[in-house]
Amino acid sequence: MMKKKNLNQFPPGWDEDRVHDVLDYYEHQSDEEAAAEHEAALARPGETLMTVPTDIVPAVRELIARYEEEHPAR
């Protein structure tokens, strides 16, 4: 028998209040604020934005999580 996944679980460190706070932040962000946030993300030294095939996103997330565990003082 296949185990059902609990869709109400949050990632570590997240809860319903945090989700609502993030939604509220982005729903009330102006276009100018959103553009400035995107530009700031593009200008971050030591980071790169790229597209990856959807099928490998879980593997990429796992790799990033492993990297962050090994390099916590970023």
N, C-alpha and C. Protein backbone atom coordinates (compact mmCIF):
# COMPACT_ATOMS: atom_id res chain seq x y z
N MET A 1 0.83 -1.18 0.00
CA MET A 1 0.00 0.00 0.00
C MET A 1 0.88 1.25 0.00
N MET A 2 0.52 2.23 -0.83
CA MET A 2 1.29 3.45 -0.95
C MET A 2 0.95 4.41 0.20
N LYS A 3 1.98 4.99 0.79
CA LYS A 3 1.80 5.92 1.89
C LYS A 3 1.36 7.28 1.34
N LYS A 4 0.34 7.89 1.95
CA LYS A 4 -0.11 9.22 1.53
C LYS A 4 0.82 10.28 2.09
N LYS A 5 1.13 11.24 1.26
CA LYS A 5 1.99 12.34 1.66
C LYS A 5 1.14 13.39 2.38
N ASN A 6 1.62 13.87 3.51
CA ASN A 6 0.93 14.91 4.25
C ASN A 6 1.21 16.26 3.58
N LEU A 7 0.22 16.82 2.93
CA LEU A 7 0.40 18.07 2.19
C LEU A 7 0.38 19.29 3.11
N ASN A 8 0.10 19.10 4.40
CA ASN A 8 0.05 20.22 5.32
C ASN A 8 1.35 20.41 6.09
N GLN A 9 2.38 19.68 5.73
CA GLN A 9 3.67 19.84 6.39
C GLN A 9 4.41 21.02 5.80
N PHE A 10 5.14 21.70 6.65
CA PHE A 10 5.94 22.84 6.21
C PHE A 10 7.41 22.44 6.23
N PRO A 11 8.23 23.10 5.43
CA PRO A 11 9.68 22.84 5.49
C PRO A 11 10.22 23.21 6.87
N PRO A 12 11.37 22.69 7.24
CA PRO A 12 11.96 23.05 8.53
C PRO A 12 12.08 24.56 8.68
N GLY A 13 11.66 25.06 9.83
CA GLY A 13 11.73 26.49 10.11
C GLY A 13 10.53 27.29 9.62
N TRP A 14 9.60 26.64 8.94
CA TRP A 14 8.42 27.32 8.41
C TRP A 14 7.18 26.87 9.18
N ASP A 15 6.21 27.78 9.28
CA ASP A 15 4.91 27.45 9.83
C ASP A 15 3.87 28.27 9.07
N GLU A 16 2.62 28.09 9.42
CA GLU A 16 1.54 28.78 8.69
C GLU A 16 1.69 30.30 8.75
N ASP A 17 2.11 30.83 9.90
CA ASP A 17 2.28 32.28 10.03
C ASP A 17 3.36 32.80 9.07
N ARG A 18 4.45 32.06 8.96
CA ARG A 18 5.52 32.50 8.07
C ARG A 18 5.05 32.48 6.61
N VAL A 19 4.31 31.47 6.24
CA VAL A 19 3.77 31.40 4.88
C VAL A 19 2.88 32.60 4.60
N HIS A 20 2.01 32.92 5.55
CA HIS A 20 1.11 34.08 5.38
C HIS A 20 1.89 35.38 5.28
N ASP A 21 2.97 35.49 6.09
CA ASP A 21 3.80 36.70 6.04
C ASP A 21 4.45 36.87 4.66
N VAL A 22 4.97 35.77 4.10
CA VAL A 22 5.61 35.83 2.79
C VAL A 22 4.57 36.19 1.71
N LEU A 23 3.41 35.54 1.77
CA LEU A 23 2.35 35.85 0.80
C LEU A 23 1.95 37.32 0.90
N ASP A 24 1.78 37.81 2.11
CA ASP A 24 1.39 39.21 2.31
C ASP A 24 2.45 40.15 1.75
N TYR A 25 3.71 39.83 1.99
CA TYR A 25 4.81 40.66 1.50
C TYR A 25 4.74 40.80 -0.02
N TYR A 26 4.63 39.67 -0.72
CA TYR A 26 4.67 39.72 -2.19
C TYR A 26 3.36 40.22 -2.79
N GLU A 27 2.24 39.98 -2.14
CA GLU A 27 0.96 40.47 -2.67
C GLU A 27 0.85 41.99 -2.56
N HIS A 28 1.59 42.59 -1.63
CA HIS A 28 1.50 44.04 -1.44
C HIS A 28 2.73 44.78 -1.96
N GLN A 29 3.62 44.06 -2.63
CA GLN A 29 4.83 44.68 -3.17
C GLN A 29 4.49 45.42 -4.46
N SER A 30 5.01 46.65 -4.59
CA SER A 30 4.78 47.42 -5.82
C SER A 30 5.64 46.85 -6.95
N ASP A 31 5.30 47.21 -8.18
CA ASP A 31 6.11 46.78 -9.32
C ASP A 31 7.54 47.29 -9.20
N GLU A 32 7.70 48.52 -8.72
CA GLU A 32 9.03 49.10 -8.56
C GLU A 32 9.83 48.34 -7.51
N GLU A 33 9.19 47.98 -6.41
CA GLU A 33 9.87 47.22 -5.35
C GLU A 33 10.28 45.83 -5.86
N ALA A 34 9.40 45.20 -6.63
CA ALA A 34 9.70 43.88 -7.18
C ALA A 34 10.88 43.96 -8.15
N ALA A 35 10.88 44.99 -9.00
CA ALA A 35 11.98 45.15 -9.96
C ALA A 35 13.30 45.39 -9.23
N ALA A 36 13.28 46.20 -8.20
CA ALA A 36 14.49 46.47 -7.42
C ALA A 36 14.99 45.19 -6.74
N GLU A 37 14.07 44.38 -6.24
CA GLU A 37 14.45 43.11 -5.60
C GLU A 37 15.10 42.17 -6.61
N HIS A 38 14.53 42.11 -7.82
CA HIS A 38 15.11 41.25 -8.87
C HIS A 38 16.50 41.74 -9.27
N GLU A 39 16.65 43.05 -9.44
CA GLU A 39 17.95 43.60 -9.81
C GLU A 39 18.99 43.33 -8.74
N ALA A 40 18.60 43.46 -7.48
CA ALA A 40 19.53 43.19 -6.38
C ALA A 40 19.96 41.72 -6.39
N ALA A 41 19.03 40.83 -6.69
CA ALA A 41 19.36 39.39 -6.74
C ALA A 41 20.34 39.11 -7.87
N LEU A 42 20.17 39.77 -8.99
CA LEU A 42 21.06 39.56 -10.13
C LEU A 42 22.47 40.08 -9.87
N ALA A 43 22.59 41.06 -8.98
CA ALA A 43 23.88 41.69 -8.71
C ALA A 43 24.63 41.04 -7.54
N ARG A 44 24.06 40.01 -6.92
CA ARG A 44 24.71 39.36 -5.77
C ARG A 44 26.03 38.72 -6.18
N PRO A 45 27.13 39.13 -5.55
CA PRO A 45 28.41 38.52 -5.89
C PRO A 45 28.46 37.06 -5.42
N GLY A 46 29.07 36.23 -6.22
CA GLY A 46 29.24 34.84 -5.85
C GLY A 46 28.04 33.95 -6.12
N GLU A 47 27.02 34.48 -6.77
CA GLU A 47 25.83 33.70 -7.10
C GLU A 47 25.50 33.86 -8.57
N THR A 48 24.86 32.84 -9.13
CA THR A 48 24.49 32.84 -10.54
C THR A 48 23.06 32.37 -10.68
N LEU A 49 22.30 33.02 -11.53
CA LEU A 49 20.95 32.56 -11.86
C LEU A 49 21.03 31.78 -13.15
N MET A 50 20.32 30.65 -13.19
CA MET A 50 20.32 29.86 -14.41
C MET A 50 19.04 29.04 -14.47
N THR A 51 18.73 28.58 -15.65
CA THR A 51 17.58 27.68 -15.80
C THR A 51 18.10 26.25 -15.85
N VAL A 52 17.31 25.36 -15.29
CA VAL A 52 17.65 23.94 -15.32
C VAL A 52 16.39 23.17 -15.72
N PRO A 53 16.56 22.01 -16.33
CA PRO A 53 15.38 21.22 -16.68
C PRO A 53 14.58 20.87 -15.42
N THR A 54 13.29 20.99 -15.51
CA THR A 54 12.40 20.74 -14.37
C THR A 54 12.65 19.39 -13.73
N ASP A 55 12.94 18.40 -14.54
CA ASP A 55 13.14 17.05 -14.02
C ASP A 55 14.31 16.95 -13.04
N ILE A 56 15.29 17.84 -13.15
CA ILE A 56 16.45 17.73 -12.26
C ILE A 56 16.41 18.74 -11.10
N VAL A 57 15.34 19.50 -10.97
CA VAL A 57 15.23 20.47 -9.87
C VAL A 57 15.41 19.80 -8.51
N PRO A 58 14.79 18.66 -8.23
CA PRO A 58 15.01 18.04 -6.92
C PRO A 58 16.50 17.73 -6.64
N ALA A 59 17.22 17.28 -7.65
CA ALA A 59 18.64 16.98 -7.47
C ALA A 59 19.43 18.26 -7.22
N VAL A 60 19.08 19.32 -7.91
CA VAL A 60 19.77 20.60 -7.73
C VAL A 60 19.50 21.14 -6.33
N ARG A 61 18.25 21.05 -5.87
CA ARG A 61 17.92 21.50 -4.51
C ARG A 61 18.69 20.71 -3.46
N GLU A 62 18.80 19.41 -3.68
CA GLU A 62 19.56 18.57 -2.75
C GLU A 62 21.03 18.98 -2.73
N LEU A 63 21.58 19.24 -3.88
CA LEU A 63 22.98 19.68 -3.96
C LEU A 63 23.18 21.01 -3.24
N ILE A 64 22.27 21.94 -3.43
CA ILE A 64 22.37 23.24 -2.76
C ILE A 64 22.25 23.07 -1.25
N ALA A 65 21.33 22.23 -0.79
CA ALA A 65 21.16 21.99 0.65
C ALA A 65 22.44 21.40 1.24
N ARG A 66 23.04 20.45 0.53
CA ARG A 66 24.28 19.84 1.00
C ARG A 66 25.38 20.90 1.07
N TYR A 67 25.47 21.74 0.05
CA TYR A 67 26.48 22.80 0.03
C TYR A 67 26.28 23.75 1.22
N GLU A 68 25.03 24.13 1.48
CA GLU A 68 24.76 25.06 2.58
C GLU A 68 25.07 24.44 3.93
N GLU A 69 24.87 23.14 4.08
CA GLU A 69 25.25 22.46 5.33
C GLU A 69 26.76 22.48 5.53
N GLU A 70 27.50 22.32 4.45
CA GLU A 70 28.96 22.29 4.51
C GLU A 70 29.58 23.69 4.61
N HIS A 71 28.84 24.71 4.20
CA HIS A 71 29.33 26.10 4.21
C HIS A 71 28.30 27.01 4.89
N PRO A 72 28.09 26.83 6.21
CA PRO A 72 27.03 27.58 6.88
C PRO A 72 27.28 29.08 7.04
N ALA A 73 28.51 29.53 6.99
CA ALA A 73 28.82 30.94 7.21
C ALA A 73 28.95 31.70 5.90
N ARG A 74 27.91 31.64 5.09
CA ARG A 74 27.95 32.36 3.81
C ARG A 74 27.54 33.77 3.97
